[in-house]
Amino acid sequence: ATYKAGGSASVKFSSTGAAHNGGHCQFSLSYDKGKTFTAIHTIMNSCPTLGGSLSVPIPSNAPSAAMAIFAWTWVNKSGNREFYMNCADVKIEGKAGGSLSGPKIVIANYPGG
């Protein structure tokens, strides 16, 4: 997929599975092959919703990259707290000389995280 800085990424959650009453979701970008991830959108307490969809804003100052990683992380609200992650290779059509800053993603229940 290709995303433009200042645009958005459309995300849709499956209508089947276990949403564990929601939880904490973060969406992030990595420009260094997954060594570090910068959070670009955070949803507390109510993510995901089965069959739900949302629009994740891509920061207007995001730099261009022929290959970046777009990631979704989730810590569930009910049951044993677990850490889930899913990623996709994406292209970013960004701002010349742009830079991405922000918090690192939250990592939980992961040795060394």
C-alpha atoms as a PDB file:
ATOM      1  CA  ALA A   1       0.000   0.000   0.000  1.00  0.00           C
ATOM      2  CA  THR A   2       1.063   3.583  -0.569  1.00  0.00           C
ATOM      3  CA  TYR A   3       0.160   6.333   1.897  1.00  0.00           C
ATOM      4  CA  LYS A   4       0.626  10.079   1.570  1.00  0.00           C
ATOM      5  CA  ALA A   5       1.876  12.307   4.359  1.00  0.00           C
ATOM      6  CA  GLY A   6      -1.106  14.303   5.573  1.00  0.00           C
ATOM      7  CA  GLY A   7      -3.472  11.576   4.356  1.00  0.00           C
ATOM      8  CA  SER A   8      -4.762   8.557   6.198  1.00  0.00           C
ATOM      9  CA  ALA A   9      -4.678   4.780   6.265  1.00  0.00           C
ATOM     10  CA  SER A  10      -7.996   2.959   6.352  1.00  0.00           C
ATOM     11  CA  VAL A  11      -8.030   0.110   8.882  1.00  0.00           C
ATOM     12  CA  LYS A  12     -10.796  -2.486   9.223  1.00  0.00           C
ATOM     13  CA  PHE A  13     -11.025  -5.114  11.947  1.00  0.00           C
ATOM     14  CA  SER A  14     -12.394  -8.595  11.336  1.00  0.00           C
ATOM     15  CA  SER A  15     -15.975  -9.237  12.392  1.00  0.00           C
ATOM     16  CA  THR A  16     -14.963 -12.550  13.971  1.00  0.00           C
ATOM     17  CA  GLY A  17     -12.544 -13.354  16.745  1.00  0.00           C
ATOM     18  CA  ALA A  18     -12.114 -12.184  20.307  1.00  0.00           C
ATOM     19  CA  ALA A  19     -11.878  -8.446  20.955  1.00  0.00           C
ATOM     20  CA  HIS A  20     -11.484  -8.973  24.748  1.00  0.00           C
ATOM     21  CA  ASN A  21     -13.694  -5.930  25.471  1.00  0.00           C
ATOM     22  CA  GLY A  22     -11.297  -3.660  23.630  1.00  0.00           C
ATOM     23  CA  GLY A  23      -8.044  -2.382  25.010  1.00  0.00           C
ATOM     24  CA  HIS A  24      -5.128  -0.161  24.050  1.00  0.00           C
ATOM     25  CA  CYS A  25      -4.246   0.109  20.324  1.00  0.00           C
ATOM     26  CA  GLN A  26      -1.386   1.982  18.735  1.00  0.00           C
ATOM     27  CA  PHE A  27      -0.536   2.492  15.101  1.00  0.00           C
ATOM     28  CA  SER A  28       3.047   3.316  14.238  1.00  0.00           C
ATOM     29  CA  LEU A  29       5.614   3.713  11.488  1.00  0.00           C
ATOM     30  CA  SER A  30       9.161   2.387  11.298  1.00  0.00           C
ATOM     31  CA  TYR A  31      11.748   3.715   8.875  1.00  0.00           C
ATOM     32  CA  ASP A  32      14.630   1.502  10.047  1.00  0.00           C
ATOM     33  CA  LYS A  33      13.383  -2.002   9.180  1.00  0.00           C
ATOM     34  CA  GLY A  34      11.555  -2.431  12.481  1.00  0.00           C
ATOM     35  CA  LYS A  35      14.306  -1.471  14.917  1.00  0.00           C
ATOM     36  CA  THR A  36      12.233   1.444  16.242  1.00  0.00           C
ATOM     37  CA  PHE A  37       8.579   2.403  15.860  1.00  0.00           C
ATOM     38  CA  THR A  38       7.089   5.875  16.286  1.00  0.00           C
ATOM     39  CA  ALA A  39       3.463   5.930  17.434  1.00  0.00           C
ATOM     40  CA  ILE A  40       1.292   8.023  15.106  1.00  0.00           C
ATOM     41  CA  HIS A  41      -2.168   7.198  16.530  1.00  0.00           C
ATOM     42  CA  THR A  42      -3.295   5.823  19.902  1.00  0.00           C
ATOM     43  CA  ILE A  43      -6.716   4.611  21.027  1.00  0.00           C
ATOM     44  CA  MET A  44      -7.202   3.905  24.718  1.00  0.00           C
ATOM     45  CA  ASN A  45      -9.685   1.430  26.186  1.00  0.00           C
ATOM     46  CA  SER A  46     -12.000   0.852  23.189  1.00  0.00           C
ATOM     47  CA  CYS A  47      -9.925  -0.764  20.470  1.00  0.00           C
ATOM     48  CA  PRO A  48     -10.509  -2.951  18.573  1.00  0.00           C
ATOM     49  CA  THR A  49     -14.189  -3.363  17.860  1.00  0.00           C
ATOM     50  CA  LEU A  50     -15.253  -6.432  15.888  1.00  0.00           C
ATOM     51  CA  GLY A  51     -16.048  -5.405  12.329  1.00  0.00           C
ATOM     52  CA  GLY A  52     -15.110  -1.814  13.123  1.00  0.00           C
ATOM     53  CA  SER A  53     -13.083   0.472  10.926  1.00  0.00           C
ATOM     54  CA  LEU A  54     -11.151   3.660  11.447  1.00  0.00           C
ATOM     55  CA  SER A  55      -8.955   6.135   9.682  1.00  0.00           C
ATOM     56  CA  VAL A  56      -5.369   6.435  10.938  1.00  0.00           C
ATOM     57  CA  PRO A  57      -3.841   9.834  10.141  1.00  0.00           C
ATOM     58  CA  ILE A  58      -0.403   9.795   8.517  1.00  0.00           C
ATOM     59  CA  PRO A  59       1.508  12.811   9.897  1.00  0.00           C
ATOM     60  CA  SER A  60       1.965  15.643   7.408  1.00  0.00           C
ATOM     61  CA  ASN A  61       5.700  15.796   8.188  1.00  0.00           C
ATOM     62  CA  ALA A  62       6.287  12.062   7.551  1.00  0.00           C
ATOM     63  CA  PRO A  63       9.329  11.605   5.311  1.00  0.00           C
ATOM     64  CA  SER A  64       9.205   9.691   2.049  1.00  0.00           C
ATOM     65  CA  ALA A  65      10.232   6.042   2.055  1.00  0.00           C
ATOM     66  CA  ALA A  66      10.133   3.393  -0.641  1.00  0.00           C
ATOM     67  CA  MET A  67       9.745   0.884   2.188  1.00  0.00           C
ATOM     68  CA  ALA A  68       8.510   1.645   5.692  1.00  0.00           C
ATOM     69  CA  ILE A  69       6.632  -0.539   8.162  1.00  0.00           C
ATOM     70  CA  PHE A  70       3.087   0.323   9.254  1.00  0.00           C
ATOM     71  CA  ALA A  71       2.300  -1.478  12.507  1.00  0.00           C
ATOM     72  CA  TRP A  72      -0.698  -2.108  14.738  1.00  0.00           C
ATOM     73  CA  THR A  73      -0.158  -3.108  18.364  1.00  0.00           C
ATOM     74  CA  TRP A  74      -2.768  -4.055  20.936  1.00  0.00           C
ATOM     75  CA  VAL A  75      -2.925  -4.868  24.635  1.00  0.00           C
ATOM     76  CA  ASN A  76      -6.301  -6.431  25.457  1.00  0.00           C
ATOM     77  CA  LYS A  77      -8.617  -5.030  28.157  1.00  0.00           C
ATOM     78  CA  SER A  78      -9.979  -8.271  29.652  1.00  0.00           C
ATOM     79  CA  GLY A  79      -8.525 -11.697  30.298  1.00  0.00           C
ATOM     80  CA  ASN A  80      -4.786 -12.214  30.589  1.00  0.00           C
ATOM     81  CA  ARG A  81      -3.036  -9.086  29.348  1.00  0.00           C
ATOM     82  CA  GLU A  82      -1.292 -10.014  26.142  1.00  0.00           C
ATOM     83  CA  PHE A  83       0.628  -8.040  23.535  1.00  0.00           C
ATOM     84  CA  TYR A  84      -0.345  -8.442  19.887  1.00  0.00           C
ATOM     85  CA  MET A  85       1.306  -6.937  16.809  1.00  0.00           C
ATOM     86  CA  ASN A  86       0.710  -6.981  13.073  1.00  0.00           C
ATOM     87  CA  CYS A  87       2.755  -5.191  10.412  1.00  0.00           C
ATOM     88  CA  ALA A  88       2.716  -4.348   6.723  1.00  0.00           C
ATOM     89  CA  ASP A  89       5.388  -3.050   4.367  1.00  0.00           C
ATOM     90  CA  VAL A  90       4.213   0.275   2.941  1.00  0.00           C
ATOM     91  CA  LYS A  91       5.442   3.118   0.786  1.00  0.00           C
ATOM     92  CA  ILE A  92       5.199   6.655   2.156  1.00  0.00           C
ATOM     93  CA  GLU A  93       4.936   9.598  -0.211  1.00  0.00           C
ATOM     94  CA  GLY A  94       6.118  12.179   2.245  1.00  0.00           C
ATOM     95  CA  LYS A  95       7.505  15.604   2.694  1.00  0.00           C
ATOM     96  CA  ALA A  96      10.979  16.301   1.294  1.00  0.00           C
ATOM     97  CA  GLY A  97      13.282  16.632   4.275  1.00  0.00           C
ATOM     98  CA  GLY A  98      10.453  15.552   6.576  1.00  0.00           C
ATOM     99  CA  SER A  99      11.019  13.900   9.902  1.00  0.00           C
ATOM    100  CA  LEU A 100       8.804  11.829  12.128  1.00  0.00           C
ATOM    101  CA  SER A 101       8.831  12.405  15.864  1.00  0.00           C
ATOM    102  CA  GLY A 102       6.638  11.186  18.661  1.00  0.00           C
ATOM    103  CA  PRO A 103       6.474   8.574  21.381  1.00  0.00           C
ATOM    104  CA  LYS A 104       7.803   5.069  20.970  1.00  0.00           C
ATOM    105  CA  ILE A 105       5.160   2.349  20.892  1.00  0.00           C
ATOM    106  CA  VAL A 106       4.166   0.746  24.170  1.00  0.00           C
ATOM    107  CA  ILE A 107       5.574  -2.769  24.496  1.00  0.00           C
ATOM    108  CA  ALA A 108       4.201  -5.018  27.235  1.00  0.00           C
ATOM    109  CA  ASN A 109       4.773  -8.604  28.359  1.00  0.00           C
ATOM    110  CA  TYR A 110       7.748  -8.983  26.047  1.00  0.00           C
ATOM    111  CA  PRO A 111      11.173  -9.956  27.385  1.00  0.00           C
ATOM    112  CA  GLY A 112      13.530  -7.011  26.981  1.00  0.00           C
ATOM    113  CA  GLY A 113      10.665  -4.748  25.812  1.00  0.00           C
END
